[in-house]
Structures are given as structure tokens and as C-alpha cells.
Amino acid sequence: MKNNFMNIYQSVIRVLFALSILAATLSLGSCDNDDPTKEDAPELITTATLTFMPSGGGTAVVVTATDPDGDGVKDIEVDGPINLMKNKTYTLSLSLINGLASPTDEGYDITAEVEEESDEHLFFFAWTNEVFADPAGNGNVDNREDPLNYNDEDLGGLPLGLSTDWTSIATSRSGTFRVILKHQPDLKSATSSSDTGETDLDITFNINIE
């Protein structure tokens, strides 16, 4: 009789111990699920507008690239070439929107989001056939240290690229102009390259200097 009682007692103890372990595990899992996580997903951009404003005034050159279904089956398409005047300085401004969101939604104005998260974003540029006198070269997509005239920066003093300056060459010439927006949360640095992080935008226009 005594042995039966001890066996029952030990079984109850084992069951209670197992239940306490299970309860502790569930409690820890619940706490983990409640922990806030940082949103590092790439931005959804359906329309990118490039506005080249000539120095000293004049008519702006505006081109757009659209991807109406975002990450869907359609690819992003440009609406035509960039036609700039010879030997002219322009300020390029970039505007980005997510047309799949309502204009009143926070996720509609991607330009504002990129500005707010400037420490996580960086624009890279590339061009062919030496269509610019300043900056010279072919852009910083292949080499981060190549010259680029950024007008804006993040709080850490690193460039952003929503605003840049360009001076066209003095002769007629044609080439291509590429814009890449990289999303680099906790990765952006003085040496982070166009291969670092996720790509939010990658568009290429034909460009004519006339």
C-alpha cells in the first residue's frame, strides 16, 4: 500500500513539473511575439518622376517611369528620353509614389518616406558616352567613390540623392541615364555600394544632349 502511494505521488510530481515547464515556454513565446520588429522591407514604388530644372530658370525637363502593378507581372516602363540642352546646368529632383495606396495613406508618398529614413536609403547614378561635363565619368554605380554632385544628406552626413546637380557637355551626344535607389537599413555607410541592401528602384532612360 505504501509503495502504491509513493508511485502515485511521484507521478503527480512529474506531471506538475511538466506542466510548469510548458507554461513557462508558452509565456516566453508570447513575450517574443509581442516584441516590436523593425520594418526593413523595400519600398513599393509605382511612379518615379525625374525633374531637371535648368539653372537660372527656364522650362523644366520632366520624365517618368511607371510600374502600375508594383511587384506584379508588369515591368517598370519609362515614358520617353531625357532631352537636355548643351552646356547647361540642371538640378535633378526625384519624386516617388506608391499609386496602389490612397493619396491620404502614409504609404503613398514614398519621397517623404525616403527623406524620413534617409539613413537607410541611397541613390546611385550611372550614364554612358560621357554626356555630362560635371560630374565627369560614368557615375557611381560601379564605384561608390566616383564623383556625384549630391545636394542632400542624412543626419550622419552621408549623401541621399533626392536632389543632385548636373552640367551637360558642350556638344550634341546621346547615351543612357540610370537611377538606382538602394534600401540599406543598418548597412548604409561611407563605403556601402550599389550592391549593398535591397533595390527599391532601378530605371534606365535614353538621354540626348541637344
Protein backbone atom coordinates (compact mmCIF):
# COMPACT_ATOMS: atom_id res chain seq x y z
CA MET A 1 0.00 0.00 0.00
CA LYS A 2 2.84 2.33 0.90
CA ASN A 3 4.58 1.62 -2.42
CA ASN A 4 1.41 2.38 -4.38
CA PHE A 5 1.04 5.69 -2.60
CA MET A 6 4.65 6.65 -3.35
CA ASN A 7 4.24 5.74 -7.02
CA ILE A 8 1.12 7.89 -7.31
CA TYR A 9 2.84 10.76 -5.52
CA GLN A 10 5.88 10.63 -7.82
CA SER A 11 3.63 10.52 -10.90
CA VAL A 12 1.74 13.61 -9.75
CA ILE A 13 5.02 15.45 -9.12
CA ARG A 14 6.25 14.59 -12.62
CA VAL A 15 3.02 15.81 -14.22
CA LEU A 16 3.09 19.09 -12.29
CA PHE A 17 6.74 19.65 -13.25
CA ALA A 18 5.98 19.04 -16.93
CA LEU A 19 3.02 21.45 -16.80
CA SER A 20 5.18 24.16 -15.21
CA ILE A 21 7.80 23.79 -17.98
CA LEU A 22 5.08 24.01 -20.64
CA ALA A 23 3.57 27.13 -19.06
CA ALA A 24 6.96 28.83 -18.89
CA THR A 25 7.65 28.01 -22.56
CA LEU A 26 4.30 29.41 -23.67
CA SER A 27 4.88 32.57 -21.62
CA LEU A 28 8.27 33.16 -23.26
CA GLY A 29 6.82 32.58 -26.71
CA SER A 30 4.07 35.10 -26.02
CA CYS A 31 6.62 37.73 -24.96
CA ASP A 32 8.68 37.13 -28.12
CA ASN A 33 5.63 37.62 -30.32
CA ASP A 34 4.90 40.96 -28.67
CA ASP A 35 8.40 42.33 -29.27
CA PRO A 36 8.42 45.13 -31.87
CA THR A 37 10.34 44.38 -35.06
CA LYS A 38 11.93 46.87 -37.42
CA GLU A 39 10.36 47.16 -40.88
CA ASP A 40 13.14 46.60 -43.42
CA ALA A 41 11.03 45.72 -46.48
CA PRO A 42 11.84 47.50 -49.75
CA GLU A 43 9.63 50.45 -50.70
CA LEU A 44 6.80 49.85 -53.19
CA ILE A 45 7.18 52.44 -55.98
CA THR A 46 4.78 52.60 -58.93
CA THR A 47 5.77 56.02 -60.32
CA ALA A 48 9.15 57.77 -60.35
CA THR A 49 9.32 61.31 -61.71
CA LEU A 50 12.60 62.97 -62.66
CA THR A 51 12.54 66.77 -62.95
CA PHE A 52 15.58 68.52 -64.42
CA MET A 53 15.30 72.23 -63.56
CA PRO A 54 17.71 74.46 -65.54
CA SER A 55 19.91 76.81 -63.51
CA GLY A 56 18.79 80.41 -63.82
CA GLY A 57 15.25 79.49 -64.83
CA GLY A 58 13.59 78.07 -67.88
CA THR A 59 11.43 75.11 -68.78
CA ALA A 60 11.92 72.00 -66.67
CA VAL A 61 12.56 68.67 -68.36
CA VAL A 62 10.27 66.06 -66.79
CA VAL A 63 10.28 62.30 -67.43
CA THR A 64 8.56 59.46 -65.60
CA ALA A 65 8.85 55.73 -65.13
CA THR A 66 5.74 53.75 -64.15
CA ASP A 67 5.03 50.28 -62.83
CA PRO A 68 1.25 50.24 -62.29
CA ASP A 69 1.07 46.85 -60.57
CA GLY A 70 4.08 47.32 -58.30
CA ASP A 71 5.65 43.89 -57.81
CA GLY A 72 3.22 42.31 -60.28
CA VAL A 73 3.79 40.87 -63.75
CA LYS A 74 4.35 44.22 -65.48
CA ASP A 75 7.84 45.74 -65.65
CA ILE A 76 8.59 49.38 -64.98
CA GLU A 77 8.48 51.46 -68.18
CA VAL A 78 9.86 54.91 -69.00
CA ASP A 79 7.73 57.43 -70.92
CA GLY A 80 10.48 58.72 -73.21
CA PRO A 81 14.03 60.08 -73.39
CA ILE A 82 15.65 62.81 -71.30
CA ASN A 83 16.36 65.75 -73.65
CA LEU A 84 18.76 68.31 -72.19
CA MET A 85 20.37 71.41 -73.67
CA LYS A 86 24.11 71.56 -74.36
CA ASN A 87 26.43 73.16 -71.80
CA LYS A 88 23.62 73.68 -69.29
CA THR A 89 23.45 73.08 -65.54
CA TYR A 90 20.37 71.35 -64.12
CA THR A 91 19.15 70.39 -60.68
CA LEU A 92 17.54 66.96 -60.73
CA SER A 93 14.72 66.34 -58.24
CA LEU A 94 13.24 62.87 -57.75
CA SER A 95 9.63 62.19 -56.76
CA LEU A 96 8.38 58.71 -55.83
CA ILE A 97 4.85 57.50 -55.15
CA ASN A 98 3.04 54.25 -54.48
CA GLY A 99 -0.08 54.55 -56.63
CA LEU A 100 -1.52 51.34 -55.17
CA ALA A 101 -2.15 53.23 -51.92
CA SER A 102 -4.66 56.01 -51.37
CA PRO A 103 -3.20 59.55 -51.60
CA THR A 104 -4.29 60.03 -48.00
CA ASP A 105 -2.41 56.93 -46.80
CA GLU A 106 1.02 57.18 -45.18
CA GLY A 107 2.43 54.70 -47.71
CA TYR A 108 1.53 56.83 -50.75
CA ASP A 109 4.30 59.46 -50.66
CA ILE A 110 7.48 57.39 -50.89
CA THR A 111 9.58 60.54 -51.35
CA ALA A 112 8.65 61.63 -47.82
CA GLU A 113 9.38 58.14 -46.51
CA VAL A 114 12.82 58.10 -48.13
CA GLU A 115 13.54 61.54 -46.63
CA GLU A 116 12.40 60.38 -43.20
CA GLU A 117 14.53 57.24 -43.47
CA SER A 118 17.47 58.95 -45.18
CA ASP A 119 19.94 56.98 -43.07
CA GLU A 120 18.61 53.81 -44.75
CA HIS A 121 18.49 54.98 -48.38
CA LEU A 122 20.98 56.00 -51.04
CA PHE A 123 20.58 56.84 -54.73
CA PHE A 124 23.22 55.76 -57.24
CA PHE A 125 23.54 57.08 -60.79
CA ALA A 126 25.19 55.88 -63.99
CA TRP A 127 25.40 57.24 -67.53
CA THR A 128 27.11 56.37 -70.79
CA ASN A 129 29.01 58.19 -73.53
CA GLU A 130 30.24 60.98 -71.20
CA VAL A 131 27.07 63.05 -71.64
CA PHE A 132 27.92 65.20 -68.59
CA ALA A 133 30.84 67.56 -68.09
CA ASP A 134 30.12 67.70 -64.34
CA PRO A 135 30.14 65.23 -62.78
CA ALA A 136 32.60 63.66 -65.18
CA GLY A 137 32.98 59.94 -65.73
CA ASN A 138 30.19 57.37 -65.82
CA GLY A 139 28.60 57.55 -62.37
CA ASN A 140 28.98 55.79 -59.03
CA VAL A 141 27.06 52.56 -59.67
CA ASP A 142 30.26 50.70 -60.48
CA ASN A 143 32.41 52.62 -57.99
CA ARG A 144 31.00 54.45 -54.96
CA GLU A 145 33.98 56.83 -54.89
CA ASP A 146 33.36 58.20 -58.41
CA PRO A 147 32.18 61.86 -58.44
CA LEU A 148 28.50 62.72 -57.94
CA ASN A 149 27.01 66.12 -57.06
CA TYR A 150 24.62 65.32 -54.20
CA ASN A 151 22.67 68.25 -52.72
CA ASP A 152 21.23 66.42 -49.71
CA GLU A 153 22.42 64.15 -46.93
CA ASP A 154 21.24 62.19 -43.91
CA LEU A 155 21.79 63.18 -40.28
CA GLY A 156 25.11 61.35 -40.35
CA GLY A 157 26.41 63.48 -43.19
CA LEU A 158 26.14 60.73 -45.81
CA PRO A 159 24.58 61.58 -49.22
CA LEU A 160 20.99 60.74 -50.14
CA GLY A 161 20.29 61.76 -53.75
CA LEU A 162 16.74 63.10 -53.97
CA SER A 163 18.42 66.28 -55.27
CA THR A 164 21.55 66.35 -57.45
CA ASP A 165 23.28 68.78 -59.85
CA TRP A 166 24.30 68.05 -63.47
CA THR A 167 26.08 70.00 -66.20
CA SER A 168 25.71 68.70 -69.74
CA ILE A 169 28.57 68.63 -72.23
CA ALA A 170 29.01 71.34 -74.86
CA THR A 171 28.40 69.07 -77.86
CA SER A 172 25.44 67.02 -79.07
CA ARG A 173 25.55 63.45 -77.83
CA SER A 174 23.29 60.57 -76.80
CA GLY A 175 23.58 57.85 -74.20
CA THR A 176 21.69 56.30 -71.29
CA PHE A 177 20.94 57.54 -67.76
CA ARG A 178 20.32 55.08 -64.91
CA VAL A 179 18.95 55.70 -61.42
CA ILE A 180 19.12 53.12 -58.62
CA LEU A 181 17.64 53.52 -55.13
CA LYS A 182 19.09 51.16 -52.54
CA HIS A 183 17.46 50.34 -49.20
CA GLN A 184 20.27 49.86 -46.69
CA PRO A 185 18.92 49.67 -43.11
CA ASP A 186 21.85 49.28 -40.69
CA LEU A 187 24.07 48.90 -43.79
CA LYS A 188 24.48 52.43 -45.18
CA SER A 189 27.98 53.78 -44.70
CA ALA A 190 30.64 55.87 -46.40
CA THR A 191 31.61 52.79 -48.40
CA SER A 192 28.29 50.97 -48.94
CA SER A 193 27.83 50.33 -52.65
CA SER A 194 25.07 49.72 -55.18
CA ASP A 195 25.40 46.02 -54.31
CA THR A 196 24.57 46.66 -50.64
CA GLY A 197 21.00 46.08 -49.41
CA GLU A 198 17.73 45.71 -51.31
CA THR A 199 16.88 47.57 -54.53
CA ASP A 200 13.83 49.84 -54.28
CA LEU A 201 14.17 51.29 -57.79
CA ASP A 202 16.24 50.62 -60.91
CA ILE A 203 15.34 52.58 -64.06
CA THR A 204 17.20 53.48 -67.24
CA PHE A 205 16.33 56.29 -69.68
CA ASN A 206 17.81 57.23 -73.01
CA ILE A 207 19.35 60.69 -72.76
CA ASN A 208 20.03 63.25 -75.51
CA ILE A 209 22.19 66.36 -75.26
CA GLU A 210 20.99 68.75 -77.97
